[in-house]
């Protein structure tokens, strides 16, 4: 599969599974008093860039989560993100992000299976640099050309590697859900055979 094809399938997977959130998702970042928004939980400057690309979005950019909450503007932000313009802007941004994810993951020497690339790419919104480093450091301990091995790797090791042990159960659930989604994908249009579980 090409970079563009892989990016398209990663973006589609993030939207269809909702593992990063829906179009109208807004929450307070775990890293500080600023919002995480949309279907890829964009934060900081990336969130501001997204908002400024949506008509009327500039009024929500560069504000703290507390300010949005206390001013009563959260509902308006959610409505903006769920609008046709908001969804289109998110899909455009997600497509760009996913190409970056694939280009970064191609630096992992043994990550050359299409399904495993899509699986890894669906973790990249957490931090594509962390995912790349995680896979590079473990590519000779785990067979990252095998989808079930990828599931085990992320299910059991990712929370510790990302220094997020408090989210271990959530990451384990995400690992299994992502596996089920990627295993069921019909990639025949790209010449990729059905997944046989081996």
Protein backbone atom coordinates (compact mmCIF):
# COMPACT_ATOMS: atom_id res chain seq x y z
CA UNK A 1 0.00 0.00 0.00
CA UNK A 2 1.15 3.55 -0.71
CA UNK A 3 1.64 6.22 1.96
CA UNK A 4 -1.60 7.88 0.84
CA UNK A 5 -3.57 4.61 0.96
CA UNK A 6 -2.24 3.74 4.42
CA UNK A 7 -2.99 7.26 5.67
CA UNK A 8 -6.54 7.04 4.31
CA UNK A 9 -7.17 3.75 6.13
CA UNK A 10 -5.67 5.06 9.39
CA UNK A 11 -7.85 8.19 9.23
CA UNK A 12 -10.92 6.10 8.45
CA UNK A 13 -10.12 3.81 11.37
CA UNK A 14 -9.75 6.69 13.83
CA UNK A 15 -13.10 8.13 12.75
CA UNK A 16 -15.01 4.83 12.59
CA UNK A 17 -13.76 3.47 15.93
CA UNK A 18 -13.89 6.81 17.73
CA UNK A 19 -10.89 5.73 19.82
CA UNK A 20 -9.66 9.32 19.99
CA UNK A 21 -13.15 10.79 20.21
CA UNK A 22 -15.97 11.97 18.00
CA UNK A 23 -16.09 15.13 15.91
CA UNK A 24 -17.60 17.07 18.80
CA UNK A 25 -15.33 15.72 21.53
CA UNK A 26 -14.01 18.35 23.91
CA UNK A 27 -12.21 17.55 27.14
CA UNK A 28 -9.60 19.11 29.39
CA UNK A 29 -6.11 17.92 28.51
CA UNK A 30 -4.40 15.69 31.03
CA UNK A 31 -1.28 17.85 30.50
CA UNK A 32 -2.74 21.24 31.45
CA UNK A 33 -5.67 23.65 31.40
CA UNK A 34 -6.34 23.60 27.69
CA UNK A 35 -8.87 21.76 25.55
CA UNK A 36 -8.36 18.52 23.63
CA UNK A 37 -10.73 18.66 20.69
CA UNK A 38 -12.24 16.68 17.88
CA UNK A 39 -11.79 13.22 16.42
CA UNK A 40 -8.04 13.23 17.03
CA UNK A 41 -7.96 15.14 20.33
CA UNK A 42 -5.88 18.01 18.95
CA UNK A 43 -4.31 20.24 21.60
CA UNK A 44 -2.37 23.49 21.89
CA UNK A 45 -1.22 25.13 18.67
CA UNK A 46 -2.59 22.29 16.56
CA UNK A 47 -6.06 22.75 18.06
CA UNK A 48 -5.84 26.52 17.51
CA UNK A 49 -4.84 26.01 13.86
CA UNK A 50 -7.80 23.69 13.37
CA UNK A 51 -10.23 26.14 14.98
CA UNK A 52 -8.90 29.07 12.96
CA UNK A 53 -9.52 27.08 9.74
CA UNK A 54 -13.26 26.76 10.56
CA UNK A 55 -15.49 29.81 9.94
CA UNK A 56 -16.29 31.27 13.39
CA UNK A 57 -13.69 29.10 15.10
CA UNK A 58 -11.28 31.89 15.96
CA UNK A 59 -13.46 32.87 18.95
CA UNK A 60 -12.58 29.53 20.60
CA UNK A 61 -8.87 29.47 19.75
CA UNK A 62 -6.10 30.24 22.25
CA UNK A 63 -8.37 29.87 25.27
CA UNK A 64 -8.01 27.71 28.35
CA UNK A 65 -10.44 24.90 29.02
CA UNK A 66 -11.52 26.64 32.25
CA UNK A 67 -12.33 29.82 30.35
CA UNK A 68 -14.43 27.92 27.80
CA UNK A 69 -16.22 26.05 30.57
CA UNK A 70 -16.92 29.00 32.88
CA UNK A 71 -17.97 31.32 30.06
CA UNK A 72 -20.52 28.78 28.84
CA UNK A 73 -18.82 28.49 25.44
CA UNK A 74 -18.23 24.73 25.49
CA UNK A 75 -21.60 23.98 23.85
CA UNK A 76 -20.84 26.45 21.06
CA UNK A 77 -17.42 24.87 20.51
CA UNK A 78 -18.95 21.40 20.33
CA UNK A 79 -21.59 22.62 17.86
CA UNK A 80 -18.87 24.21 15.71
CA UNK A 81 -16.79 21.01 15.66
CA UNK A 82 -19.85 18.90 14.74
CA UNK A 83 -20.92 21.26 11.91
CA UNK A 84 -20.32 20.25 8.29
CA UNK A 85 -17.48 22.78 8.09
CA UNK A 86 -16.02 21.51 11.37
CA UNK A 87 -16.11 17.89 10.26
CA UNK A 88 -14.57 18.72 6.87
CA UNK A 89 -11.75 20.67 8.52
CA UNK A 90 -11.07 17.80 10.92
CA UNK A 91 -10.93 15.26 8.10
CA UNK A 92 -8.51 17.47 6.15
CA UNK A 93 -6.26 17.87 9.20
CA UNK A 94 -6.51 14.16 10.02
CA UNK A 95 -5.50 13.17 6.47
CA UNK A 96 -2.40 15.39 6.75
CA UNK A 97 -1.57 14.00 10.19
CA UNK A 98 -1.93 10.40 9.03
CA UNK A 99 0.51 10.91 6.16
CA UNK A 100 3.00 12.23 8.73
CA UNK A 101 2.30 9.17 10.90
CA UNK A 102 3.03 6.78 8.03
CA UNK A 103 6.19 8.62 6.99
CA UNK A 104 7.42 8.47 10.61
CA UNK A 105 6.54 4.79 11.04
CA UNK A 106 8.38 3.89 7.81
CA UNK A 107 11.55 4.61 9.79
CA UNK A 108 10.89 1.42 11.79
CA UNK A 109 12.93 -1.10 9.82
CA UNK A 110 10.72 -4.20 10.20
CA UNK A 111 7.31 -2.49 10.07
CA UNK A 112 6.41 -3.45 6.51
CA UNK A 113 3.07 -5.24 6.85
CA UNK A 114 0.09 -3.10 5.74
CA UNK A 115 -2.27 -4.18 8.53
CA UNK A 116 0.41 -3.71 11.17
CA UNK A 117 1.19 -0.26 9.77
CA UNK A 118 -2.49 0.71 9.98
CA UNK A 119 -2.66 -0.68 13.53
CA UNK A 120 0.41 1.31 14.63
CA UNK A 121 -0.83 4.40 12.82
CA UNK A 122 -4.06 4.33 14.80
CA UNK A 123 -1.95 4.80 17.95
CA UNK A 124 -0.03 7.77 16.57
CA UNK A 125 -2.37 10.55 17.81
CA UNK A 126 -1.03 9.74 21.30
CA UNK A 127 2.43 10.76 19.91
CA UNK A 128 3.83 9.46 16.65
CA UNK A 129 7.36 9.95 17.97
CA UNK A 130 6.62 7.81 21.04
CA UNK A 131 5.02 5.10 18.87
CA UNK A 132 8.02 5.06 16.52
CA UNK A 133 10.50 4.82 19.41
CA UNK A 134 8.37 2.16 21.11
CA UNK A 135 8.33 -0.03 17.99
CA UNK A 136 12.00 0.54 17.17
CA UNK A 137 13.01 -0.52 20.67
CA UNK A 138 10.94 -3.70 20.54
CA UNK A 139 10.97 -4.74 16.89
CA UNK A 140 13.42 -7.58 17.53
CA UNK A 141 11.66 -8.84 20.68
CA UNK A 142 8.22 -8.93 19.02
CA UNK A 143 7.30 -9.86 15.47
CA UNK A 144 5.76 -6.56 14.40
CA UNK A 145 4.86 -8.08 11.04
CA UNK A 146 2.21 -10.11 12.90
CA UNK A 147 -1.01 -8.31 13.85
CA UNK A 148 -1.68 -10.39 16.97
CA UNK A 149 1.88 -9.78 18.18
CA UNK A 150 1.29 -6.05 17.68
CA UNK A 151 -1.85 -6.29 19.80
CA UNK A 152 0.05 -8.02 22.60
CA UNK A 153 2.86 -5.49 22.42
CA UNK A 154 0.55 -2.50 22.78
CA UNK A 155 -1.78 -4.22 25.23
CA UNK A 156 0.92 -5.18 27.72
CA UNK A 157 3.79 -2.73 27.17
CA UNK A 158 2.59 0.60 25.79
CA UNK A 159 1.33 2.23 29.01
CA UNK A 160 4.68 1.61 30.72
CA UNK A 161 6.71 2.73 27.71
CA UNK A 162 4.66 5.93 27.38
CA UNK A 163 5.01 6.55 31.14
CA UNK A 164 1.21 6.43 31.52
CA UNK A 165 0.70 3.45 33.83
CA UNK A 166 -2.44 5.06 35.27
CA UNK A 167 -4.08 4.53 31.84
CA UNK A 168 -2.94 0.92 31.46
CA UNK A 169 -6.46 -0.56 31.43
CA UNK A 170 -7.65 1.97 28.88
CA UNK A 171 -4.65 1.29 26.65
CA UNK A 172 -5.26 -2.47 26.95
CA UNK A 173 -8.88 -1.99 25.88
CA UNK A 174 -7.76 0.23 23.01
CA UNK A 175 -5.22 -2.40 21.91
CA UNK A 176 -7.90 -5.08 21.68
CA UNK A 177 -10.48 -2.84 19.99
CA UNK A 178 -7.95 -1.61 17.43
CA UNK A 179 -6.91 -5.20 16.72
CA UNK A 180 -10.51 -6.28 16.11
CA UNK A 181 -11.06 -3.34 13.77
CA UNK A 182 -7.88 -3.80 11.73
CA UNK A 183 -8.29 -7.60 11.56
CA UNK A 184 -11.75 -7.16 10.04
CA UNK A 185 -10.73 -4.61 7.38
CA UNK A 186 -11.35 -5.47 3.73
CA UNK A 187 -8.15 -4.28 2.04
CA UNK A 188 -8.65 -6.30 -1.14
CA UNK A 189 -8.82 -3.11 -3.26
CA UNK A 190 -5.12 -2.66 -2.40
CA UNK A 191 -4.24 -6.29 -3.11
CA UNK A 192 -3.95 -7.17 0.59
CA UNK A 193 -5.43 -10.60 1.40
CA UNK A 194 -7.96 -11.12 4.20
CA UNK A 195 -6.49 -11.49 7.67
CA UNK A 196 -6.31 -15.16 8.64
CA UNK A 197 -5.36 -14.69 12.28
CA UNK A 198 -1.82 -15.97 11.80
